Amino acid sequence: MLDPKFFEDISARISAALAATPAADIEKNLRAMLTAQFARLDLVTREDFEIQKELLARAQARLAQLEARLAELEAQRKT
């Protein structure tokens, strides 16, 4: 019967070998590069975007109300 410690040892050796490959360094460098590039862009968070979207919707609704009121007042003035 195989010893469970044998599998743990093999797993640990495979993990150590993969960590030592250039792939881990490439991933780390790529993440750093992408993070730096995104920092240079003028991006907003999803939360900020949703807040601005809601504010715009309210402003558009208010504008529609004011336009309707203005049209009503202009119609009364003409009669």
C-alpha atoms as a PDB file:
ATOM      1  CA  MET A   1       0.000   0.000   0.000  1.00  0.00           C
ATOM      2  CA  LEU A   2       1.270   3.485  -0.831  1.00  0.00           C
ATOM      3  CA  ASP A   3       2.115   5.911   1.917  1.00  0.00           C
ATOM      4  CA  PRO A   4      -0.022   9.134   1.889  1.00  0.00           C
ATOM      5  CA  LYS A   5       3.114  11.056   2.809  1.00  0.00           C
ATOM      6  CA  PHE A   6       4.566   9.975  -0.536  1.00  0.00           C
ATOM      7  CA  PHE A   7       1.791  11.842  -2.403  1.00  0.00           C
ATOM      8  CA  GLU A   8       2.180  14.899  -0.186  1.00  0.00           C
ATOM      9  CA  ASP A   9       5.916  14.896  -0.877  1.00  0.00           C
ATOM     10  CA  ILE A  10       5.380  14.587  -4.641  1.00  0.00           C
ATOM     11  CA  SER A  11       2.782  17.367  -4.559  1.00  0.00           C
ATOM     12  CA  ALA A  12       5.117  19.646  -2.625  1.00  0.00           C
ATOM     13  CA  ARG A  13       7.961  18.947  -5.060  1.00  0.00           C
ATOM     14  CA  ILE A  14       5.752  19.663  -8.082  1.00  0.00           C
ATOM     15  CA  SER A  15       4.545  22.927  -6.527  1.00  0.00           C
ATOM     16  CA  ALA A  16       8.123  23.951  -5.767  1.00  0.00           C
ATOM     17  CA  ALA A  17       9.227  23.096  -9.300  1.00  0.00           C
ATOM     18  CA  LEU A  18       6.380  25.100 -10.845  1.00  0.00           C
ATOM     19  CA  ALA A  19       7.101  28.065  -8.605  1.00  0.00           C
ATOM     20  CA  ALA A  20      10.701  28.085  -9.785  1.00  0.00           C
ATOM     21  CA  THR A  21       9.802  28.167 -13.500  1.00  0.00           C
ATOM     22  CA  PRO A  22       9.913  31.334 -15.577  1.00  0.00           C
ATOM     23  CA  ALA A  23       6.120  31.150 -15.903  1.00  0.00           C
ATOM     24  CA  ALA A  24       5.689  32.408 -12.333  1.00  0.00           C
ATOM     25  CA  ASP A  25       8.023  35.342 -13.008  1.00  0.00           C
ATOM     26  CA  ILE A  26       6.272  36.113 -16.295  1.00  0.00           C
ATOM     27  CA  GLU A  27       2.879  36.132 -14.571  1.00  0.00           C
ATOM     28  CA  LYS A  28       4.159  38.391 -11.787  1.00  0.00           C
ATOM     29  CA  ASN A  29       5.750  40.793 -14.284  1.00  0.00           C
ATOM     30  CA  LEU A  30       2.659  40.817 -16.490  1.00  0.00           C
ATOM     31  CA  ARG A  31       0.429  41.624 -13.513  1.00  0.00           C
ATOM     32  CA  ALA A  32       2.730  44.470 -12.486  1.00  0.00           C
ATOM     33  CA  MET A  33       2.794  45.841 -16.029  1.00  0.00           C
ATOM     34  CA  LEU A  34      -0.993  45.687 -16.389  1.00  0.00           C
ATOM     35  CA  THR A  35      -1.496  47.305 -12.997  1.00  0.00           C
ATOM     36  CA  ALA A  36       0.819  50.145 -13.994  1.00  0.00           C
ATOM     37  CA  GLN A  37      -0.958  50.614 -17.340  1.00  0.00           C
ATOM     38  CA  PHE A  38      -4.403  50.677 -15.722  1.00  0.00           C
ATOM     39  CA  ALA A  39      -3.159  53.207 -13.172  1.00  0.00           C
ATOM     40  CA  ARG A  40      -2.220  55.548 -16.036  1.00  0.00           C
ATOM     41  CA  LEU A  41      -5.683  55.366 -17.581  1.00  0.00           C
ATOM     42  CA  ASP A  42      -8.420  57.672 -16.421  1.00  0.00           C
ATOM     43  CA  LEU A  43     -10.792  54.937 -15.248  1.00  0.00           C
ATOM     44  CA  VAL A  44     -13.596  55.020 -12.710  1.00  0.00           C
ATOM     45  CA  THR A  45     -14.842  52.283 -10.461  1.00  0.00           C
ATOM     46  CA  ARG A  46     -18.116  50.518 -11.192  1.00  0.00           C
ATOM     47  CA  GLU A  47     -19.570  52.096  -8.041  1.00  0.00           C
ATOM     48  CA  ASP A  48     -18.675  55.623  -9.191  1.00  0.00           C
ATOM     49  CA  PHE A  49     -20.061  54.860 -12.639  1.00  0.00           C
ATOM     50  CA  GLU A  50     -23.370  53.652 -11.200  1.00  0.00           C
ATOM     51  CA  ILE A  51     -23.649  56.771  -9.007  1.00  0.00           C
ATOM     52  CA  GLN A  52     -23.050  59.057 -11.988  1.00  0.00           C
ATOM     53  CA  LYS A  53     -25.529  57.067 -14.070  1.00  0.00           C
ATOM     54  CA  GLU A  54     -28.201  57.552 -11.397  1.00  0.00           C
ATOM     55  CA  LEU A  55     -27.450  61.276 -11.124  1.00  0.00           C
ATOM     56  CA  LEU A  56     -27.741  61.647 -14.885  1.00  0.00           C
ATOM     57  CA  ALA A  57     -31.073  59.808 -14.930  1.00  0.00           C
ATOM     58  CA  ARG A  58     -32.415  62.121 -12.211  1.00  0.00           C
ATOM     59  CA  ALA A  59     -31.170  65.203 -14.052  1.00  0.00           C
ATOM     60  CA  GLN A  60     -32.789  64.028 -17.291  1.00  0.00           C
ATOM     61  CA  ALA A  61     -36.084  63.371 -15.516  1.00  0.00           C
ATOM     62  CA  ARG A  62     -35.972  66.809 -13.888  1.00  0.00           C
ATOM     63  CA  LEU A  63     -35.156  68.423 -17.236  1.00  0.00           C
ATOM     64  CA  ALA A  64     -38.157  66.687 -18.819  1.00  0.00           C
ATOM     65  CA  GLN A  65     -40.389  68.002 -16.014  1.00  0.00           C
ATOM     66  CA  LEU A  66     -39.075  71.546 -16.435  1.00  0.00           C
ATOM     67  CA  GLU A  67     -39.507  71.414 -20.216  1.00  0.00           C
ATOM     68  CA  ALA A  68     -43.094  70.242 -19.794  1.00  0.00           C
ATOM     69  CA  ARG A  69     -43.767  73.012 -17.257  1.00  0.00           C
ATOM     70  CA  LEU A  70     -42.195  75.601 -19.564  1.00  0.00           C
ATOM     71  CA  ALA A  71     -44.314  74.412 -22.476  1.00  0.00           C
ATOM     72  CA  GLU A  72     -47.404  74.624 -20.264  1.00  0.00           C
ATOM     73  CA  LEU A  73     -46.572  78.185 -19.192  1.00  0.00           C
ATOM     74  CA  GLU A  74     -45.876  79.244 -22.777  1.00  0.00           C
ATOM     75  CA  ALA A  75     -49.214  77.761 -23.870  1.00  0.00           C
ATOM     76  CA  GLN A  76     -51.038  79.703 -21.139  1.00  0.00           C
ATOM     77  CA  ARG A  77     -49.288  82.901 -22.114  1.00  0.00           C
ATOM     78  CA  LYS A  78     -50.372  82.575 -25.750  1.00  0.00           C
ATOM     79  CA  THR A  79     -54.028  82.205 -24.855  1.00  0.00           C
END
